Structure formats: structure tokens, C-alpha cells
Amino acid sequence: PVKDEHGGPPPTRRVVLVWRRSFTRYEAIAALRNAIYACDLPGVTRLS
């Protein structure tokens, strides 16, 4: 488990990707999603 410098739990963060329904470049959104999934984010729990 990840701890902060004093031994307590670290602050939480949420990474969210949103786009307009009218945005037609699905490949660009998919590339961003894949890049986020590929990041090493210790302590992160994937929601979906």
C-alpha cells in the first residue's frame, strides 16, 4: 500500500476523461484512454 511521508494514507485523486458527444475523432479519445491506462499510478483503483 502507498503511504504518505508520515505513514498515513496518501491524498486521493480521480482521473476522468470526458468528451463532447459531437467530437468525431474516436481514435484520439481511444489513444488518450490507452495512455491513461498505461500510466503507473500507485494506489489507483480502476472504476470501469
PDB file of N, CA and C in Angstrom:
ATOM      1  N   PRO A   1       0.824  -1.202   0.000  1.00  0.00           N
ATOM      2  CA  PRO A   1       0.000   0.000   0.000  1.00  0.00           C
ATOM      3  C   PRO A   1       0.865   1.261   0.000  1.00  0.00           C
ATOM      4  N   VAL A   2       0.363   2.281  -0.613  1.00  0.00           N
ATOM      5  CA  VAL A   2       1.052   3.568  -0.673  1.00  0.00           C
ATOM      6  C   VAL A   2       0.735   4.348   0.592  1.00  0.00           C
ATOM      7  N   LYS A   3       1.755   4.940   1.197  1.00  0.00           N
ATOM      8  CA  LYS A   3       1.586   5.764   2.401  1.00  0.00           C
ATOM      9  C   LYS A   3       2.184   7.135   2.152  1.00  0.00           C
ATOM     10  N   ASP A   4       1.733   8.142   2.885  1.00  0.00           N
ATOM     11  CA  ASP A   4       2.359   9.450   2.767  1.00  0.00           C
ATOM     12  C   ASP A   4       3.617   9.481   3.625  1.00  0.00           C
ATOM     13  N   GLU A   5       4.308  10.604   3.658  1.00  0.00           N
ATOM     14  CA  GLU A   5       5.593  10.685   4.361  1.00  0.00           C
ATOM     15  C   GLU A   5       5.481  10.505   5.868  1.00  0.00           C
ATOM     16  N   HIS A   6       4.275  10.663   6.434  1.00  0.00           N
ATOM     17  CA  HIS A   6       4.083  10.487   7.873  1.00  0.00           C
ATOM     18  C   HIS A   6       3.456   9.137   8.212  1.00  0.00           C
ATOM     19  N   GLY A   7       3.311   8.270   7.216  1.00  0.00           N
ATOM     20  CA  GLY A   7       2.773   6.940   7.452  1.00  0.00           C
ATOM     21  C   GLY A   7       1.273   6.823   7.268  1.00  0.00           C
ATOM     22  N   GLY A   8       0.599   7.944   7.024  1.00  0.00           N
ATOM     23  CA  GLY A   8      -0.849   7.903   6.813  1.00  0.00           C
ATOM     24  C   GLY A   8      -1.187   7.640   5.361  1.00  0.00           C
ATOM     25  N   PRO A   9      -2.457   7.479   5.083  1.00  0.00           N
ATOM     26  CA  PRO A   9      -2.856   7.248   3.694  1.00  0.00           C
ATOM     27  C   PRO A   9      -2.606   8.500   2.849  1.00  0.00           C
ATOM     28  N   PRO A  10      -2.247   8.334   1.598  1.00  0.00           N
ATOM     29  CA  PRO A  10      -1.999   9.492   0.732  1.00  0.00           C
ATOM     30  C   PRO A  10      -3.312  10.160   0.333  1.00  0.00           C
ATOM     31  N   PRO A  11      -3.247  11.386  -0.151  1.00  0.00           N
ATOM     32  CA  PRO A  11      -4.473  12.011  -0.652  1.00  0.00           C
ATOM     33  C   PRO A  11      -5.004  11.225  -1.851  1.00  0.00           C
ATOM     34  N   THR A  12      -6.288  11.279  -2.062  1.00  0.00           N
ATOM     35  CA  THR A  12      -6.881  10.556  -3.182  1.00  0.00           C
ATOM     36  C   THR A  12      -6.992  11.466  -4.400  1.00  0.00           C
ATOM     37  N   ARG A  13      -6.983  10.872  -5.561  1.00  0.00           N
ATOM     38  CA  ARG A  13      -7.122  11.581  -6.829  1.00  0.00           C
ATOM     39  C   ARG A  13      -8.044  10.774  -7.726  1.00  0.00           C
ATOM     40  N   ARG A  14      -8.759  11.480  -8.571  1.00  0.00           N
ATOM     41  CA  ARG A  14      -9.596  10.816  -9.561  1.00  0.00           C
ATOM     42  C   ARG A  14      -9.193  11.339 -10.934  1.00  0.00           C
ATOM     43  N   VAL A  15      -8.907  10.422 -11.836  1.00  0.00           N
ATOM     44  CA  VAL A  15      -8.558  10.779 -13.213  1.00  0.00           C
ATOM     45  C   VAL A  15      -9.775  10.459 -14.069  1.00  0.00           C
ATOM     46  N   VAL A  16     -10.291  11.481 -14.750  1.00  0.00           N
ATOM     47  CA  VAL A  16     -11.523  11.335 -15.521  1.00  0.00           C
ATOM     48  C   VAL A  16     -11.286  11.825 -16.941  1.00  0.00           C
ATOM     49  N   LEU A  17     -11.827  11.117 -17.899  1.00  0.00           N
ATOM     50  CA  LEU A  17     -11.743  11.513 -19.303  1.00  0.00           C
ATOM     51  C   LEU A  17     -13.163  11.705 -19.821  1.00  0.00           C
ATOM     52  N   VAL A  18     -13.467  12.918 -20.283  1.00  0.00           N
ATOM     53  CA  VAL A  18     -14.784  13.222 -20.852  1.00  0.00           C
ATOM     54  C   VAL A  18     -14.596  13.901 -22.200  1.00  0.00           C
ATOM     55  N   TRP A  19     -15.612  13.806 -23.044  1.00  0.00           N
ATOM     56  CA  TRP A  19     -15.571  14.491 -24.341  1.00  0.00           C
ATOM     57  C   TRP A  19     -16.994  14.765 -24.789  1.00  0.00           C
ATOM     58  N   ARG A  20     -17.107  15.705 -25.702  1.00  0.00           N
ATOM     59  CA  ARG A  20     -18.416  16.053 -26.245  1.00  0.00           C
ATOM     60  C   ARG A  20     -18.913  14.953 -27.169  1.00  0.00           C
ATOM     61  N   ARG A  21     -20.182  14.736 -27.138  1.00  0.00           N
ATOM     62  CA  ARG A  21     -20.787  13.717 -27.987  1.00  0.00           C
ATOM     63  C   ARG A  21     -20.540  14.016 -29.464  1.00  0.00           C
ATOM     64  N   SER A  22     -20.437  15.295 -29.806  1.00  0.00           N
ATOM     65  CA  SER A  22     -20.237  15.685 -31.205  1.00  0.00           C
ATOM     66  C   SER A  22     -18.789  15.523 -31.665  1.00  0.00           C
ATOM     67  N   PHE A  23     -17.862  15.202 -30.738  1.00  0.00           N
ATOM     68  CA  PHE A  23     -16.456  15.021 -31.111  1.00  0.00           C
ATOM     69  C   PHE A  23     -16.336  13.724 -31.896  1.00  0.00           C
ATOM     70  N   THR A  24     -15.914  13.831 -33.147  1.00  0.00           N
ATOM     71  CA  THR A  24     -15.955  12.667 -34.041  1.00  0.00           C
ATOM     72  C   THR A  24     -14.645  11.898 -34.131  1.00  0.00           C
ATOM     73  N   ARG A  25     -13.603  12.354 -33.467  1.00  0.00           N
ATOM     74  CA  ARG A  25     -12.305  11.672 -33.568  1.00  0.00           C
ATOM     75  C   ARG A  25     -12.167  10.633 -32.455  1.00  0.00           C
ATOM     76  N   TYR A  26     -12.918   9.544 -32.590  1.00  0.00           N
ATOM     77  CA  TYR A  26     -12.902   8.496 -31.578  1.00  0.00           C
ATOM     78  C   TYR A  26     -11.502   7.939 -31.361  1.00  0.00           C
ATOM     79  N   GLU A  27     -10.706   7.863 -32.416  1.00  0.00           N
ATOM     80  CA  GLU A  27      -9.347   7.324 -32.294  1.00  0.00           C
ATOM     81  C   GLU A  27      -8.503   8.167 -31.337  1.00  0.00           C
ATOM     82  N   ALA A  28      -8.710   9.478 -31.340  1.00  0.00           N
ATOM     83  CA  ALA A  28      -7.968  10.354 -30.427  1.00  0.00           C
ATOM     84  C   ALA A  28      -8.361  10.077 -28.983  1.00  0.00           C
ATOM     85  N   ILE A  29      -9.642   9.897 -28.731  1.00  0.00           N
ATOM     86  CA  ILE A  29     -10.112   9.581 -27.375  1.00  0.00           C
ATOM     87  C   ILE A  29      -9.577   8.222 -26.943  1.00  0.00           C
ATOM     88  N   ALA A  30      -9.596   7.258 -27.843  1.00  0.00           N
ATOM     89  CA  ALA A  30      -9.086   5.922 -27.519  1.00  0.00           C
ATOM     90  C   ALA A  30      -7.598   5.977 -27.199  1.00  0.00           C
ATOM     91  N   ALA A  31      -6.837   6.797 -27.918  1.00  0.00           N
ATOM     92  CA  ALA A  31      -5.403   6.929 -27.643  1.00  0.00           C
ATOM     93  C   ALA A  31      -5.167   7.547 -26.270  1.00  0.00           C
ATOM     94  N   LEU A  32      -5.948   8.565 -25.911  1.00  0.00           N
ATOM     95  CA  LEU A  32      -5.827   9.162 -24.575  1.00  0.00           C
ATOM     96  C   LEU A  32      -6.187   8.153 -23.492  1.00  0.00           C
ATOM     97  N   ARG A  33      -7.273   7.415 -23.704  1.00  0.00           N
ATOM     98  CA  ARG A  33      -7.684   6.399 -22.730  1.00  0.00           C
ATOM     99  C   ARG A  33      -6.590   5.359 -22.533  1.00  0.00           C
ATOM    100  N   ASN A  34      -6.018   4.896 -23.623  1.00  0.00           N
ATOM    101  CA  ASN A  34      -4.961   3.890 -23.528  1.00  0.00           C
ATOM    102  C   ASN A  34      -3.729   4.439 -22.825  1.00  0.00           C
ATOM    103  N   ALA A  35      -3.411   5.709 -23.063  1.00  0.00           N
ATOM    104  CA  ALA A  35      -2.264   6.328 -22.393  1.00  0.00           C
ATOM    105  C   ALA A  35      -2.499   6.432 -20.888  1.00  0.00           C
ATOM    106  N   ILE A  36      -3.726   6.783 -20.498  1.00  0.00           N
ATOM    107  CA  ILE A  36      -4.042   6.870 -19.065  1.00  0.00           C
ATOM    108  C   ILE A  36      -3.957   5.487 -18.426  1.00  0.00           C
ATOM    109  N   TYR A  37      -4.508   4.477 -19.095  1.00  0.00           N
ATOM    110  CA  TYR A  37      -4.447   3.117 -18.558  1.00  0.00           C
ATOM    111  C   TYR A  37      -3.013   2.613 -18.442  1.00  0.00           C
ATOM    112  N   ALA A  38      -2.136   3.067 -19.327  1.00  0.00           N
ATOM    113  CA  ALA A  38      -0.746   2.605 -19.327  1.00  0.00           C
ATOM    114  C   ALA A  38       0.103   3.276 -18.252  1.00  0.00           C
ATOM    115  N   CYS A  39      -0.387   4.364 -17.658  1.00  0.00           N
ATOM    116  CA  CYS A  39       0.385   5.068 -16.626  1.00  0.00           C
ATOM    117  C   CYS A  39       0.501   4.210 -15.371  1.00  0.00           C
ATOM    118  N   ASP A  40       1.658   4.283 -14.744  1.00  0.00           N
ATOM    119  CA  ASP A  40       1.853   3.607 -13.464  1.00  0.00           C
ATOM    120  C   ASP A  40       1.385   4.556 -12.373  1.00  0.00           C
ATOM    121  N   LEU A  41       0.190   4.325 -11.864  1.00  0.00           N
ATOM    122  CA  LEU A  41      -0.397   5.181 -10.839  1.00  0.00           C
ATOM    123  C   LEU A  41      -0.581   4.360  -9.569  1.00  0.00           C
ATOM    124  N   PRO A  42       0.430   4.349  -8.680  1.00  0.00           N
ATOM    125  CA  PRO A  42       0.345   3.540  -7.464  1.00  0.00           C
ATOM    126  C   PRO A  42      -0.856   3.931  -6.610  1.00  0.00           C
ATOM    127  N   GLY A  43      -1.543   2.944  -6.109  1.00  0.00           N
ATOM    128  CA  GLY A  43      -2.670   3.196  -5.227  1.00  0.00           C
ATOM    129  C   GLY A  43      -3.972   3.488  -5.946  1.00  0.00           C
ATOM    130  N   VAL A  44      -3.975   3.459  -7.264  1.00  0.00           N
ATOM    131  CA  VAL A  44      -5.180   3.776  -8.029  1.00  0.00           C
ATOM    132  C   VAL A  44      -5.997   2.514  -8.237  1.00  0.00           C
ATOM    133  N   THR A  45      -7.294   2.631  -8.033  1.00  0.00           N
ATOM    134  CA  THR A  45      -8.223   1.552  -8.311  1.00  0.00           C
ATOM    135  C   THR A  45      -9.059   1.946  -9.513  1.00  0.00           C
ATOM    136  N   ARG A  46      -9.027   1.140 -10.541  1.00  0.00           N
ATOM    137  CA  ARG A  46      -9.779   1.428 -11.759  1.00  0.00           C
ATOM    138  C   ARG A  46     -11.259   1.158 -11.513  1.00  0.00           C
ATOM    139  N   LEU A  47     -12.120   2.130 -11.859  1.00  0.00           N
ATOM    140  CA  LEU A  47     -13.550   2.002 -11.602  1.00  0.00           C
ATOM    141  C   LEU A  47     -14.293   1.295 -12.720  1.00  0.00           C
ATOM    142  N   SER A  48     -13.817   1.420 -13.955  1.00  0.00           N
ATOM    143  CA  SER A  48     -14.546   0.774 -15.055  1.00  0.00           C
ATOM    144  C   SER A  48     -13.595   0.079 -15.991  1.00  0.00           C
TER     145      SER A  48
END
